[in-house]
C-alpha atoms as a PDB file:
ATOM      1  CA  UNK A   1      87.839 120.841  93.348  1.00  0.00           C
ATOM      2  CA  UNK A   2      88.286 117.883  95.894  1.00  0.00           C
ATOM      3  CA  UNK A   3      91.523 118.349  98.236  1.00  0.00           C
ATOM      4  CA  UNK A   4      93.790 115.502  98.368  1.00  0.00           C
ATOM      5  CA  UNK A   5      96.247 114.752 100.890  1.00  0.00           C
ATOM      6  CA  UNK A   6      99.702 113.503  99.613  1.00  0.00           C
ATOM      7  CA  UNK A   7     101.235 111.302 102.324  1.00  0.00           C
ATOM      8  CA  UNK A   8     105.295 110.770 100.873  1.00  0.00           C
ATOM      9  CA  UNK A   9     104.459 113.707  98.442  1.00  0.00           C
ATOM     10  CA  UNK A  10     108.356 114.886  98.028  1.00  0.00           C
ATOM     11  CA  UNK A  11     109.185 111.423  97.056  1.00  0.00           C
ATOM     12  CA  UNK A  12     110.300 110.174  93.680  1.00  0.00           C
ATOM     13  CA  UNK A  13     106.197 108.815  92.968  1.00  0.00           C
ATOM     14  CA  UNK A  14     104.614 111.449  95.326  1.00  0.00           C
ATOM     15  CA  UNK A  15     106.114 114.701  93.954  1.00  0.00           C
ATOM     16  CA  UNK A  16     105.071 113.567  89.918  1.00  0.00           C
ATOM     17  CA  UNK A  17     101.467 112.755  91.168  1.00  0.00           C
ATOM     18  CA  UNK A  18     100.968 116.154  92.676  1.00  0.00           C
ATOM     19  CA  UNK A  19     102.240 117.641  89.635  1.00  0.00           C
ATOM     20  CA  UNK A  20      99.203 115.688  87.783  1.00  0.00           C
ATOM     21  CA  UNK A  21      96.810 116.733  90.686  1.00  0.00           C
ATOM     22  CA  UNK A  22      97.402 119.839  90.439  1.00  0.00           C
ATOM     23  CA  UNK A  23      97.332 119.489  86.840  1.00  0.00           C
ATOM     24  CA  UNK A  24      94.367 118.088  87.164  1.00  0.00           C
ATOM     25  CA  UNK A  25      92.630 120.844  89.363  1.00  0.00           C
ATOM     26  CA  UNK A  26      92.847 119.083  93.052  1.00  0.00           C
ATOM     27  CA  UNK A  27      94.173 120.849  95.814  1.00  0.00           C
ATOM     28  CA  UNK A  28      97.175 119.591  96.895  1.00  0.00           C
ATOM     29  CA  UNK A  29      98.406 118.908 100.421  1.00  0.00           C
ATOM     30  CA  UNK A  30     101.731 117.252 100.723  1.00  0.00           C
ATOM     31  CA  UNK A  31     103.182 115.062 103.700  1.00  0.00           C
ATOM     32  CA  UNK A  32     106.327 114.311 103.995  1.00  0.00           C
ATOM     33  CA  UNK A  33     109.101 113.691 106.972  1.00  0.00           C
ATOM     34  CA  UNK A  34     111.860 114.035 104.744  1.00  0.00           C
ATOM     35  CA  UNK A  35     113.790 110.900 105.389  1.00  0.00           C
ATOM     36  CA  UNK A  36     114.357 110.166 101.927  1.00  0.00           C
ATOM     37  CA  UNK A  37     113.160 113.231  99.992  1.00  0.00           C
ATOM     38  CA  UNK A  38     114.198 116.847 100.086  1.00  0.00           C
ATOM     39  CA  UNK A  39     111.659 119.772 100.383  1.00  0.00           C
ATOM     40  CA  UNK A  40     113.208 121.587  97.683  1.00  0.00           C
ATOM     41  CA  UNK A  41     111.356 118.898  95.513  1.00  0.00           C
ATOM     42  CA  UNK A  42     108.347 121.402  96.155  1.00  0.00           C
ATOM     43  CA  UNK A  43     109.709 124.507  94.765  1.00  0.00           C
ATOM     44  CA  UNK A  44     110.016 122.578  91.250  1.00  0.00           C
ATOM     45  CA  UNK A  45     106.891 121.007  91.610  1.00  0.00           C
ATOM     46  CA  UNK A  46     105.793 124.953  91.503  1.00  0.00           C
ATOM     47  CA  UNK A  47     107.989 125.593  88.636  1.00  0.00           C
ATOM     48  CA  UNK A  48     106.074 122.822  86.824  1.00  0.00           C
ATOM     49  CA  UNK A  49     102.279 123.911  87.617  1.00  0.00           C
ATOM     50  CA  UNK A  50     103.162 127.146  88.708  1.00  0.00           C
ATOM     51  CA  UNK A  51     101.453 125.974  92.474  1.00  0.00           C
ATOM     52  CA  UNK A  52     103.961 125.228  95.415  1.00  0.00           C
ATOM     53  CA  UNK A  53     101.907 122.721  97.397  1.00  0.00           C
ATOM     54  CA  UNK A  54     101.007 123.272 101.772  1.00  0.00           C
ATOM     55  CA  UNK A  55     103.214 120.855 103.443  1.00  0.00           C
ATOM     56  CA  UNK A  56     103.490 119.478 106.814  1.00  0.00           C
ATOM     57  CA  UNK A  57     106.980 118.125 107.410  1.00  0.00           C
ATOM     58  CA  UNK A  58     104.849 115.381 109.702  1.00  0.00           C
ATOM     59  CA  UNK A  59     106.552 111.050 110.061  1.00  0.00           C
ATOM     60  CA  UNK A  60     103.217 108.619 109.937  1.00  0.00           C
ATOM     61  CA  UNK A  61     103.879 107.684 113.570  1.00  0.00           C
ATOM     62  CA  UNK A  62     103.754 111.282 114.939  1.00  0.00           C
ATOM     63  CA  UNK A  63     100.014 110.507 116.043  1.00  0.00           C
ATOM     64  CA  UNK A  64      98.988 114.510 117.312  1.00  0.00           C
ATOM     65  CA  UNK A  65     100.977 115.920 113.580  1.00  0.00           C
ATOM     66  CA  UNK A  66      98.512 113.577 111.755  1.00  0.00           C
ATOM     67  CA  UNK A  67      95.745 115.099 113.664  1.00  0.00           C
ATOM     68  CA  UNK A  68      96.850 118.401 113.412  1.00  0.00           C
ATOM     69  CA  UNK A  69      96.304 118.298 109.448  1.00  0.00           C
ATOM     70  CA  UNK A  70      93.284 117.078 109.511  1.00  0.00           C
ATOM     71  CA  UNK A  71      92.147 119.222 111.967  1.00  0.00           C
ATOM     72  CA  UNK A  72      93.641 122.557 109.956  1.00  0.00           C
ATOM     73  CA  UNK A  73      92.683 121.386 106.158  1.00  0.00           C
ATOM     74  CA  UNK A  74      89.180 119.974 104.759  1.00  0.00           C
ATOM     75  CA  UNK A  75      90.411 116.459 103.280  1.00  0.00           C
ATOM     76  CA  UNK A  76      88.862 115.104 100.675  1.00  0.00           C
ATOM     77  CA  UNK A  77      90.842 112.211  99.995  1.00  0.00           C
ATOM     78  CA  UNK A  78      94.440 110.653 100.727  1.00  0.00           C
ATOM     79  CA  UNK A  79      97.019 109.381  98.443  1.00  0.00           C
ATOM     80  CA  UNK A  80      99.375 107.053 100.932  1.00  0.00           C
ATOM     81  CA  UNK A  81     103.028 107.079  99.549  1.00  0.00           C
ATOM     82  CA  UNK A  82     104.802 107.268 103.009  1.00  0.00           C
ATOM     83  CA  UNK A  83     106.634 104.193 103.999  1.00  0.00           C
ATOM     84  CA  UNK A  84     110.536 102.730 103.715  1.00  0.00           C
ATOM     85  CA  UNK A  85     110.762 100.839  99.968  1.00  0.00           C
ATOM     86  CA  UNK A  86     113.749  98.803  99.868  1.00  0.00           C
ATOM     87  CA  UNK A  87     113.515  94.888  99.105  1.00  0.00           C
ATOM     88  CA  UNK A  88     117.364  94.492 100.128  1.00  0.00           C
ATOM     89  CA  UNK A  89     117.314  96.874 103.316  1.00  0.00           C
ATOM     90  CA  UNK A  90     113.482  95.550 104.726  1.00  0.00           C
ATOM     91  CA  UNK A  91     115.265  92.524 104.751  1.00  0.00           C
ATOM     92  CA  UNK A  92     118.161  93.769 107.171  1.00  0.00           C
ATOM     93  CA  UNK A  93     116.210  95.590 109.345  1.00  0.00           C
ATOM     94  CA  UNK A  94     112.541  94.241 109.177  1.00  0.00           C
ATOM     95  CA  UNK A  95     111.458  95.533 112.855  1.00  0.00           C
ATOM     96  CA  UNK A  96     112.051  98.933 111.083  1.00  0.00           C
ATOM     97  CA  UNK A  97     109.957  97.816 107.984  1.00  0.00           C
ATOM     98  CA  UNK A  98     107.231  96.946 110.276  1.00  0.00           C
ATOM     99  CA  UNK A  99     106.894  99.434 112.573  1.00  0.00           C
ATOM    100  CA  UNK A 100     106.918 102.617 109.858  1.00  0.00           C
ATOM    101  CA  UNK A 101     104.533 100.841 107.460  1.00  0.00           C
ATOM    102  CA  UNK A 102     102.598  99.458 109.437  1.00  0.00           C
ATOM    103  CA  UNK A 103     101.738 101.475 112.708  1.00  0.00           C
ATOM    104  CA  UNK A 104     102.249 104.594 110.880  1.00  0.00           C
ATOM    105  CA  UNK A 105      99.708 103.749 108.447  1.00  0.00           C
ATOM    106  CA  UNK A 106      97.222 102.662 111.311  1.00  0.00           C
ATOM    107  CA  UNK A 107      97.966 105.996 113.123  1.00  0.00           C
ATOM    108  CA  UNK A 108      97.063 107.117 109.476  1.00  0.00           C
ATOM    109  CA  UNK A 109      93.790 105.170 109.055  1.00  0.00           C
ATOM    110  CA  UNK A 110      92.491 105.863 112.321  1.00  0.00           C
ATOM    111  CA  UNK A 111      92.812 109.412 111.916  1.00  0.00           C
ATOM    112  CA  UNK A 112      90.990 109.027 108.554  1.00  0.00           C
ATOM    113  CA  UNK A 113      88.272 107.919 110.374  1.00  0.00           C
ATOM    114  CA  UNK A 114      87.907 109.586 113.370  1.00  0.00           C
ATOM    115  CA  UNK A 115      87.993 112.831 110.856  1.00  0.00           C
ATOM    116  CA  UNK A 116      85.312 110.825 108.701  1.00  0.00           C
ATOM    117  CA  UNK A 117      87.893 111.009 105.084  1.00  0.00           C
ATOM    118  CA  UNK A 118      86.910 107.290 104.095  1.00  0.00           C
ATOM    119  CA  UNK A 119      88.705 107.826 100.500  1.00  0.00           C
ATOM    120  CA  UNK A 120      92.043 106.018  99.856  1.00  0.00           C
ATOM    121  CA  UNK A 121      94.327 105.490  97.330  1.00  0.00           C
ATOM    122  CA  UNK A 122      96.919 102.866  98.990  1.00  0.00           C
ATOM    123  CA  UNK A 123     100.598 102.327  97.001  1.00  0.00           C
ATOM    124  CA  UNK A 124     101.016  99.151  96.774  1.00  0.00           C
ATOM    125  CA  UNK A 125     103.630  96.774  94.724  1.00  0.00           C
ATOM    126  CA  UNK A 126     103.613  93.808  92.763  1.00  0.00           C
ATOM    127  CA  UNK A 127     105.574  92.451  95.315  1.00  0.00           C
ATOM    128  CA  UNK A 128     102.177  91.263  96.772  1.00  0.00           C
ATOM    129  CA  UNK A 129     102.304  88.081  94.173  1.00  0.00           C
ATOM    130  CA  UNK A 130     105.497  86.617  95.404  1.00  0.00           C
ATOM    131  CA  UNK A 131     106.786  84.460  92.959  1.00  0.00           C
ATOM    132  CA  UNK A 132     103.939  84.017  90.256  1.00  0.00           C
ATOM    133  CA  UNK A 133     103.074  80.554  89.354  1.00  0.00           C
ATOM    134  CA  UNK A 134     102.429  82.149  85.671  1.00  0.00           C
ATOM    135  CA  UNK A 135     102.765  86.098  83.219  1.00  0.00           C
ATOM    136  CA  UNK A 136     101.056  88.240  82.850  1.00  0.00           C
ATOM    137  CA  UNK A 137      99.874  88.748  86.516  1.00  0.00           C
ATOM    138  CA  UNK A 138      95.937  89.086  87.307  1.00  0.00           C
ATOM    139  CA  UNK A 139      94.706  90.975  90.310  1.00  0.00           C
ATOM    140  CA  UNK A 140      92.902  87.818  91.184  1.00  0.00           C
ATOM    141  CA  UNK A 141      96.468  85.751  91.425  1.00  0.00           C
ATOM    142  CA  UNK A 142      97.286  83.891  94.783  1.00  0.00           C
ATOM    143  CA  UNK A 143      98.981  86.535  97.078  1.00  0.00           C
ATOM    144  CA  UNK A 144     101.840  86.090  98.805  1.00  0.00           C
ATOM    145  CA  UNK A 145     105.701  87.483  99.747  1.00  0.00           C
ATOM    146  CA  UNK A 146     108.876  86.707 100.186  1.00  0.00           C
ATOM    147  CA  UNK A 147     110.450  90.016 101.345  1.00  0.00           C
ATOM    148  CA  UNK A 148     109.379  91.801 104.907  1.00  0.00           C
ATOM    149  CA  UNK A 149     108.685  95.607 102.252  1.00  0.00           C
ATOM    150  CA  UNK A 150     106.560  93.094 100.138  1.00  0.00           C
ATOM    151  CA  UNK A 151     105.219  91.562 103.525  1.00  0.00           C
ATOM    152  CA  UNK A 152     104.192  95.137 104.782  1.00  0.00           C
ATOM    153  CA  UNK A 153     101.781  96.138 101.350  1.00  0.00           C
ATOM    154  CA  UNK A 154     100.584  92.837 101.582  1.00  0.00           C
ATOM    155  CA  UNK A 155      99.269  93.403 105.667  1.00  0.00           C
ATOM    156  CA  UNK A 156      98.534  97.083 104.509  1.00  0.00           C
ATOM    157  CA  UNK A 157      95.883  95.916 101.756  1.00  0.00           C
ATOM    158  CA  UNK A 158      94.350  93.094 104.124  1.00  0.00           C
ATOM    159  CA  UNK A 159      94.337  95.990 106.939  1.00  0.00           C
ATOM    160  CA  UNK A 160      92.501  98.165 104.253  1.00  0.00           C
ATOM    161  CA  UNK A 161      89.908  95.217 103.384  1.00  0.00           C
ATOM    162  CA  UNK A 162      88.982  94.190 106.860  1.00  0.00           C
ATOM    163  CA  UNK A 163      88.690  98.710 107.793  1.00  0.00           C
ATOM    164  CA  UNK A 164      85.809  98.262 104.744  1.00  0.00           C
ATOM    165  CA  UNK A 165      84.571  95.077 105.734  1.00  0.00           C
ATOM    166  CA  UNK A 166      83.539  97.496 108.993  1.00  0.00           C
ATOM    167  CA  UNK A 167      82.104 100.496 107.152  1.00  0.00           C
ATOM    168  CA  UNK A 168      80.851  99.981 104.001  1.00  0.00           C
ATOM    169  CA  UNK A 169      80.926 103.844 103.257  1.00  0.00           C
ATOM    170  CA  UNK A 170      85.045 103.772 102.658  1.00  0.00           C
ATOM    171  CA  UNK A 171      86.194 103.745  99.147  1.00  0.00           C
ATOM    172  CA  UNK A 172      89.872 102.201  98.837  1.00  0.00           C
ATOM    173  CA  UNK A 173      92.061 101.541  95.832  1.00  0.00           C
ATOM    174  CA  UNK A 174      94.964  99.008  96.488  1.00  0.00           C
ATOM    175  CA  UNK A 175      97.001  99.849  93.151  1.00  0.00           C
ATOM    176  CA  UNK A 176      99.925  97.340  92.735  1.00  0.00           C
ATOM    177  CA  UNK A 177     102.408  98.983  90.331  1.00  0.00           C
ATOM    178  CA  UNK A 178     105.300  97.595  88.769  1.00  0.00           C
ATOM    179  CA  UNK A 179     108.623  99.211  88.258  1.00  0.00           C
ATOM    180  CA  UNK A 180     108.286 102.632  88.244  1.00  0.00           C
ATOM    181  CA  UNK A 181     111.378 104.561  85.847  1.00  0.00           C
ATOM    182  CA  UNK A 182     112.073 107.792  83.961  1.00  0.00           C
ATOM    183  CA  UNK A 183     111.318 111.236  85.187  1.00  0.00           C
ATOM    184  CA  UNK A 184     109.299 114.597  84.192  1.00  0.00           C
ATOM    185  CA  UNK A 185     109.548 115.880  80.650  1.00  0.00           C
ATOM    186  CA  UNK A 186     110.586 118.953  82.388  1.00  0.00           C
ATOM    187  CA  UNK A 187     114.107 117.342  83.958  1.00  0.00           C
ATOM    188  CA  UNK A 188     113.006 118.892  87.438  1.00  0.00           C
ATOM    189  CA  UNK A 189     111.568 115.781  88.744  1.00  0.00           C
ATOM    190  CA  UNK A 190     113.475 112.041  89.165  1.00  0.00           C
ATOM    191  CA  UNK A 191     114.515 109.991  91.296  1.00  0.00           C
ATOM    192  CA  UNK A 192     116.860 110.875  93.598  1.00  0.00           C
ATOM    193  CA  UNK A 193     117.749 107.870  96.367  1.00  0.00           C
ATOM    194  CA  UNK A 194     119.731 109.068  99.448  1.00  0.00           C
ATOM    195  CA  UNK A 195     123.474 106.806  99.143  1.00  0.00           C
ATOM    196  CA  UNK A 196     123.511 103.494  97.226  1.00  0.00           C
ATOM    197  CA  UNK A 197     120.497 103.137  94.676  1.00  0.00           C
ATOM    198  CA  UNK A 198     118.405 100.130  95.261  1.00  0.00           C
ATOM    199  CA  UNK A 199     116.427 100.981  91.842  1.00  0.00           C
ATOM    200  CA  UNK A 200     117.750  99.922  88.297  1.00  0.00           C
ATOM    201  CA  UNK A 201     117.461 102.557  86.868  1.00  0.00           C
ATOM    202  CA  UNK A 202     119.338 105.613  89.059  1.00  0.00           C
ATOM    203  CA  UNK A 203     121.941 103.069  89.613  1.00  0.00           C
ATOM    204  CA  UNK A 204     122.601 102.834  85.808  1.00  0.00           C
ATOM    205  CA  UNK A 205     122.396 106.604  85.644  1.00  0.00           C
ATOM    206  CA  UNK A 206     125.149 106.971  88.276  1.00  0.00           C
ATOM    207  CA  UNK A 207     127.201 104.846  85.828  1.00  0.00           C
ATOM    208  CA  UNK A 208     126.706 106.750  83.071  1.00  0.00           C
ATOM    209  CA  UNK A 209     127.465 110.257  85.074  1.00  0.00           C
ATOM    210  CA  UNK A 210     130.595 108.951  86.503  1.00  0.00           C
ATOM    211  CA  UNK A 211     129.432 108.534  89.878  1.00  0.00           C
ATOM    212  CA  UNK A 212     129.971 104.487  89.619  1.00  0.00           C
ATOM    213  CA  UNK A 213     132.190 102.541  88.209  1.00  0.00           C
ATOM    214  CA  UNK A 214     129.783  99.934  86.466  1.00  0.00           C
ATOM    215  CA  UNK A 215     126.360  98.238  87.448  1.00  0.00           C
ATOM    216  CA  UNK A 216     125.784  95.242  88.949  1.00  0.00           C
ATOM    217  CA  UNK A 217     123.108  93.103  87.684  1.00  0.00           C
ATOM    218  CA  UNK A 218     121.810  90.749  89.905  1.00  0.00           C
ATOM    219  CA  UNK A 219     121.927  87.280  88.822  1.00  0.00           C
ATOM    220  CA  UNK A 220     122.274  86.034  84.929  1.00  0.00           C
ATOM    221  CA  UNK A 221     120.862  82.125  85.606  1.00  0.00           C
ATOM    222  CA  UNK A 222     117.284  82.931  85.218  1.00  0.00           C
ATOM    223  CA  UNK A 223     114.815  81.199  82.843  1.00  0.00           C
ATOM    224  CA  UNK A 224     114.890  84.702  80.586  1.00  0.00           C
ATOM    225  CA  UNK A 225     115.206  85.867  77.384  1.00  0.00           C
ATOM    226  CA  UNK A 226     119.197  86.780  78.485  1.00  0.00           C
ATOM    227  CA  UNK A 227     119.509  85.350  82.472  1.00  0.00           C
ATOM    228  CA  UNK A 228     119.009  88.228  83.859  1.00  0.00           C
ATOM    229  CA  UNK A 229     115.601  89.536  85.880  1.00  0.00           C
ATOM    230  CA  UNK A 230     112.801  90.573  83.802  1.00  0.00           C
ATOM    231  CA  UNK A 231     109.882  93.114  85.100  1.00  0.00           C
ATOM    232  CA  UNK A 232     107.751  95.446  84.131  1.00  0.00           C
ATOM    233  CA  UNK A 233     108.940  99.062  83.521  1.00  0.00           C
ATOM    234  CA  UNK A 234     106.470 101.501  84.222  1.00  0.00           C
ATOM    235  CA  UNK A 235     107.116 105.720  83.100  1.00  0.00           C
ATOM    236  CA  UNK A 236     106.508 107.357  86.493  1.00  0.00           C
ATOM    237  CA  UNK A 237     104.542 109.625  84.476  1.00  0.00           C
ATOM    238  CA  UNK A 238     101.957 107.018  83.483  1.00  0.00           C
ATOM    239  CA  UNK A 239     101.788 106.033  87.253  1.00  0.00           C
ATOM    240  CA  UNK A 240     101.218 109.762  88.448  1.00  0.00           C
ATOM    241  CA  UNK A 241      98.715 110.201  85.664  1.00  0.00           C
ATOM    242  CA  UNK A 242      96.963 106.484  87.251  1.00  0.00           C
ATOM    243  CA  UNK A 243      96.883 107.686  90.501  1.00  0.00           C
ATOM    244  CA  UNK A 244      94.640 110.957  89.180  1.00  0.00           C
ATOM    245  CA  UNK A 245      91.854 108.514  87.527  1.00  0.00           C
ATOM    246  CA  UNK A 246      92.212 106.157  90.956  1.00  0.00           C
ATOM    247  CA  UNK A 247      90.975 109.120  92.743  1.00  0.00           C
ATOM    248  CA  UNK A 248      88.743 109.995  90.388  1.00  0.00           C
ATOM    249  CA  UNK A 249      86.939 106.779  90.121  1.00  0.00           C
ATOM    250  CA  UNK A 250      87.280 106.632  94.546  1.00  0.00           C
ATOM    251  CA  UNK A 251      85.451 109.737  94.973  1.00  0.00           C
ATOM    252  CA  UNK A 252      82.546 108.555  92.933  1.00  0.00           C
ATOM    253  CA  UNK A 253      82.088 104.674  94.331  1.00  0.00           C
ATOM    254  CA  UNK A 254      82.809 103.194  97.393  1.00  0.00           C
ATOM    255  CA  UNK A 255      84.036  99.288  97.612  1.00  0.00           C
ATOM    256  CA  UNK A 256      87.904  98.476  98.168  1.00  0.00           C
ATOM    257  CA  UNK A 257      89.535  97.192  94.428  1.00  0.00           C
ATOM    258  CA  UNK A 258      92.802  95.800  93.741  1.00  0.00           C
ATOM    259  CA  UNK A 259      94.117  97.284  90.304  1.00  0.00           C
ATOM    260  CA  UNK A 260      97.772  96.517  88.978  1.00  0.00           C
ATOM    261  CA  UNK A 261      99.680  99.330  87.019  1.00  0.00           C
ATOM    262  CA  UNK A 262     102.023  98.201  85.213  1.00  0.00           C
ATOM    263  CA  UNK A 263     102.797  98.009  80.974  1.00  0.00           C
ATOM    264  CA  UNK A 264     101.609  94.902  80.522  1.00  0.00           C
ATOM    265  CA  UNK A 265     105.210  94.538  79.204  1.00  0.00           C
ATOM    266  CA  UNK A 266     108.738  92.593  80.811  1.00  0.00           C
ATOM    267  CA  UNK A 267     112.082  93.839  79.921  1.00  0.00           C
ATOM    268  CA  UNK A 268     115.408  92.573  81.374  1.00  0.00           C
ATOM    269  CA  UNK A 269     117.617  94.177  83.283  1.00  0.00           C
ATOM    270  CA  UNK A 270     120.293  93.743  80.110  1.00  0.00           C
ATOM    271  CA  UNK A 271     117.197  95.037  77.747  1.00  0.00           C
ATOM    272  CA  UNK A 272     117.272  97.762  80.161  1.00  0.00           C
ATOM    273  CA  UNK A 273     121.081  98.651  80.162  1.00  0.00           C
ATOM    274  CA  UNK A 274     120.733  98.542  76.136  1.00  0.00           C
ATOM    275  CA  UNK A 275     118.031 101.137  75.783  1.00  0.00           C
ATOM    276  CA  UNK A 276     119.504 103.344  78.651  1.00  0.00           C
ATOM    277  CA  UNK A 277     122.992 103.135  76.717  1.00  0.00           C
ATOM    278  CA  UNK A 278     121.332 104.667  73.667  1.00  0.00           C
ATOM    279  CA  UNK A 279     119.364 107.501  75.233  1.00  0.00           C
ATOM    280  CA  UNK A 280     122.329 108.583  76.877  1.00  0.00           C
ATOM    281  CA  UNK A 281     125.218 107.648  74.005  1.00  0.00           C
ATOM    282  CA  UNK A 282     127.746 105.791  76.011  1.00  0.00           C
ATOM    283  CA  UNK A 283     128.241 102.699  76.791  1.00  0.00           C
ATOM    284  CA  UNK A 284     127.130 100.793  80.602  1.00  0.00           C
ATOM    285  CA  UNK A 285     130.209  98.705  82.322  1.00  0.00           C
ATOM    286  CA  UNK A 286     128.683  96.272  83.842  1.00  0.00           C
ATOM    287  CA  UNK A 287     129.292  92.707  86.235  1.00  0.00           C
ATOM    288  CA  UNK A 288     127.156  89.863  87.119  1.00  0.00           C
ATOM    289  CA  UNK A 289     126.415  89.786  90.656  1.00  0.00           C
ATOM    290  CA  UNK A 290     124.829  86.430  92.870  1.00  0.00           C
ATOM    291  CA  UNK A 291     121.373  86.436  92.903  1.00  0.00           C
ATOM    292  CA  UNK A 292     119.739  88.879  95.802  1.00  0.00           C
ATOM    293  CA  UNK A 293     117.577  87.041  98.194  1.00  0.00           C
ATOM    294  CA  UNK A 294     113.840  87.415  97.462  1.00  0.00           C
ATOM    295  CA  UNK A 295     114.299  88.145  93.644  1.00  0.00           C
ATOM    296  CA  UNK A 296     112.190  86.241  91.855  1.00  0.00           C
ATOM    297  CA  UNK A 297     113.071  85.792  87.571  1.00  0.00           C
ATOM    298  CA  UNK A 298     109.522  87.634  85.757  1.00  0.00           C
ATOM    299  CA  UNK A 299     106.983  89.887  86.419  1.00  0.00           C
ATOM    300  CA  UNK A 300     104.835  91.651  84.856  1.00  0.00           C
ATOM    301  CA  UNK A 301     100.973  92.841  85.034  1.00  0.00           C
ATOM    302  CA  UNK A 302      97.669  92.450  83.382  1.00  0.00           C
ATOM    303  CA  UNK A 303      96.239  95.573  82.622  1.00  0.00           C
ATOM    304  CA  UNK A 304      93.067  95.272  81.553  1.00  0.00           C
ATOM    305  CA  UNK A 305      91.489  95.410  84.883  1.00  0.00           C
ATOM    306  CA  UNK A 306      93.103  99.487  84.790  1.00  0.00           C
ATOM    307  CA  UNK A 307      91.496 100.179  81.148  1.00  0.00           C
ATOM    308  CA  UNK A 308      88.217  98.634  81.874  1.00  0.00           C
ATOM    309  CA  UNK A 309      87.738 100.745  85.795  1.00  0.00           C
ATOM    310  CA  UNK A 310      89.786 103.437  85.426  1.00  0.00           C
ATOM    311  CA  UNK A 311      90.318 104.469  82.283  1.00  0.00           C
ATOM    312  CA  UNK A 312      94.152 104.051  81.953  1.00  0.00           C
ATOM    313  CA  UNK A 313      96.793 102.618  80.177  1.00  0.00           C
ATOM    314  CA  UNK A 314     100.491 103.517  80.072  1.00  0.00           C
ATOM    315  CA  UNK A 315     101.774 105.720  77.088  1.00  0.00           C
ATOM    316  CA  UNK A 316     105.639 105.496  77.761  1.00  0.00           C
ATOM    317  CA  UNK A 317     107.912 103.200  76.075  1.00  0.00           C
ATOM    318  CA  UNK A 318     111.197 101.965  77.453  1.00  0.00           C
ATOM    319  CA  UNK A 319     112.650 104.348  74.988  1.00  0.00           C
ATOM    320  CA  UNK A 320     110.486 107.394  76.554  1.00  0.00           C
ATOM    321  CA  UNK A 321     111.671 105.449  79.769  1.00  0.00           C
ATOM    322  CA  UNK A 322     115.608 105.908  79.582  1.00  0.00           C
ATOM    323  CA  UNK A 323     115.081 108.993  77.615  1.00  0.00           C
ATOM    324  CA  UNK A 324     113.576 110.935  80.264  1.00  0.00           C
ATOM    325  CA  UNK A 325     115.481 109.525  83.403  1.00  0.00           C
ATOM    326  CA  UNK A 326     118.553 110.413  81.266  1.00  0.00           C
ATOM    327  CA  UNK A 327     117.845 114.111  80.886  1.00  0.00           C
ATOM    328  CA  UNK A 328     117.190 114.111  84.458  1.00  0.00           C
ATOM    329  CA  UNK A 329     120.081 112.395  85.416  1.00  0.00           C
ATOM    330  CA  UNK A 330     122.361 114.578  83.308  1.00  0.00           C
ATOM    331  CA  UNK A 331     121.045 117.800  84.583  1.00  0.00           C
ATOM    332  CA  UNK A 332     120.992 116.718  87.782  1.00  0.00           C
ATOM    333  CA  UNK A 333     124.573 114.618  88.361  1.00  0.00           C
ATOM    334  CA  UNK A 334     124.254 114.756  92.005  1.00  0.00           C
ATOM    335  CA  UNK A 335     120.084 114.521  92.317  1.00  0.00           C
ATOM    336  CA  UNK A 336     117.814 117.266  93.319  1.00  0.00           C
ATOM    337  CA  UNK A 337     119.388 119.656  95.630  1.00  0.00           C
END
């Protein structure tokens, strides 16, 4: 079976993808600098799958470290998750985001090229659609961004499209995902951010476990069902399975394709809060705050291309996502330790 290098493989989406890859029979090598993750995640992957992936503590800005991984292993394909990912933080420290997410990625692509590895699945984002004129969002919609994080994703997409134009032997899938939430059914893997969570579900979970007093809801004056932002929330396990399908496709086809991974349904912040209250059996206190810069009102996917091209579609609903997130949070109130 093929050997897959997973950059950022100890992170939230990366770790769940490693589980699905291993369960599908792939050999997995993990690269992670542990900036926003922990090495113990690899032990938890082993608890679920029986296999602990080979691990390199390497930063994608470290060219020598990257070279060593490719020199020491026969890698067939790369799934590239590694990168900073907080929208608000990217507005505050844009240069850090551009250096890491773009310069680091270029290092990876150059070293892949040097070693003849031309199969790549890139972790992009629905943020590349900016503030869409309509929903559901299709892959051929105009692209723009409202924050530096989104811009790093869009620039990576452009770089990779140009790489393919220069050499048609590359096989590149740009996976634009919507809002991953949930956790492994095992309760062993889930989202464990450092410090104050940037994403909705870990924040709600910390309110439910008593670590935070209330949920901050950023704006309730959007043109949505209840005034709060609407997003396409997708179970992280569904997302991980989408990456397996993407690798399977990329190993057999040359070209570059952009594909949405979402459920095709939008839920508001307050609807997610209500679903989580059912999952945990507790009330979630919340306060309405001013809108955050860079946020948009409504965002959900047209997922027909993923179904047609990859044979993939999301299986879990919002109740599943919240039940699994609560199962993980209640077993790991301080995150993965």
